[in-house]
Amino acid sequence: MNKYSNLGRFLEGLLFILIILVIFETYGEELAVFLNLNVEIRKLLLLAGFCFDVIFSIEFISRLIMSGKRGGIGQYISREGGIIDFLASLPLLVFSSGPLLFMTYLSDGTGFTLPVVGSVGLMAVGNLRFLKIVKTIRIIRIFRLIRAMKLFGKVKTRYLMTPRYVAAPIIIVIAISVIALFGFSFLENEKIIQPKAEEVARVLSAYVAMEDDIDFNLLFADADSLLMIQSDGNTIYRNIDRDIFEERYLNDDYYNVEVGPYVLYLDNKDVKRTYALINMMVFDIIIAFIIIMTTLYRRYFNRHIASPVNVMYKGFKTTDYSTPVRIQENRKDFEMYQLAEQYNKKWLPIKRRIMEIKREKE
């Protein structure tokens, strides 16, 4: 699709609006987790995130197909932002919003368990354990921050070189931020940030190993992170009303731990809120940096690099264009202005003399 056609301009404008909306949605999703908002609001945000991931995935596939028809898939991936389009689309749909949507709307959450391996020597059940799934999703969702880079590519400028060169530091900052969050999420391994509920599981493991008759009301009187305990499918201890539980908890807000004959339902919101805060802080830094680069630095780049080059280019290309480059006295030692000075002092006089000779011959 030709971006200069009416349909092309409409789609480019629509994409610009979608990028703005998805930035607000991404930040709102993290904010909703941090503020522990109503489950219905969070469900709507998750559904919106899924829809955005579908749209951006379709956009990437469409651009890939169109590039393939032109025989330029490699150029699209390497030089036209294809890698950014990819990271901001399909991985998020397959590994983040898709699984989250399934866990929220189609799964009852009972199939995801995290057995405790402690003094009682409990066996792990399966490889798809709940916290590992949540951790994978949490890491993949970091790539949503990359969409902010797509926004910069849509900012209009009269100089073609400005977006590419100003985008370079933005790419570096976002890449460092994403790699840092990605590495931290993997390397901390629940050692730095872990659910408070793990202590409850350890306490119960110790009691199961020593005692048969356990008074849960006495043992876990102050354990807010313990939601309920089941045994043989029956709820034998409850710290939260079922209706309140359904109103406040999504499937990834809690996890199950098997301790002997008991299944503990434990709160995972403290970890999610911590990571939501970290993600929002990094997101704020990235957005602030993009705003600074697209306003202050872009203006500086245009004034001292792109504009002098543009004036000299027109002077070399256009016969009747003889405008000198404006040189700022406090920056005349810049290489760009030294070149501009040579253009003003040597090329323009020669050009004027050549034009005078031509007019005399005519």
Foldseek 3Di string as FASTA:
>chain_A
DPCPDPVNVVVLVVVLVLLVVLLVLLLVLLVCLLVLHWPVVNLVSLVVNLVSLVVLQVVLVVVCVVCVVVPRNVCCCPPVCSVLSVLQHDLCNVQASVVQNCQFPPDPLPVAAAADCDPVRDDGDDDRHLVVSVLRNLLSSLSNLSSVLVNLVSDDDPFPVLSVVLSVVLVVLSVVLSVVVNVCSPPCPCVVPHDPCVVVLVVVLVCVVPDDDDDCCVVCVPPPFWAFKDFPRHTPGGPDDPVVCVTRDGSSQWHWYDRPRMITTGGPSRRSSVSSVVSSVSSVVSVVSSVCSSPVVSVVCCLQPRVLVVLLVCVVVPLPRQDQRDDDPVCCVDPSNVVSVCCNPPVSVVSVVVVVVVVVVD
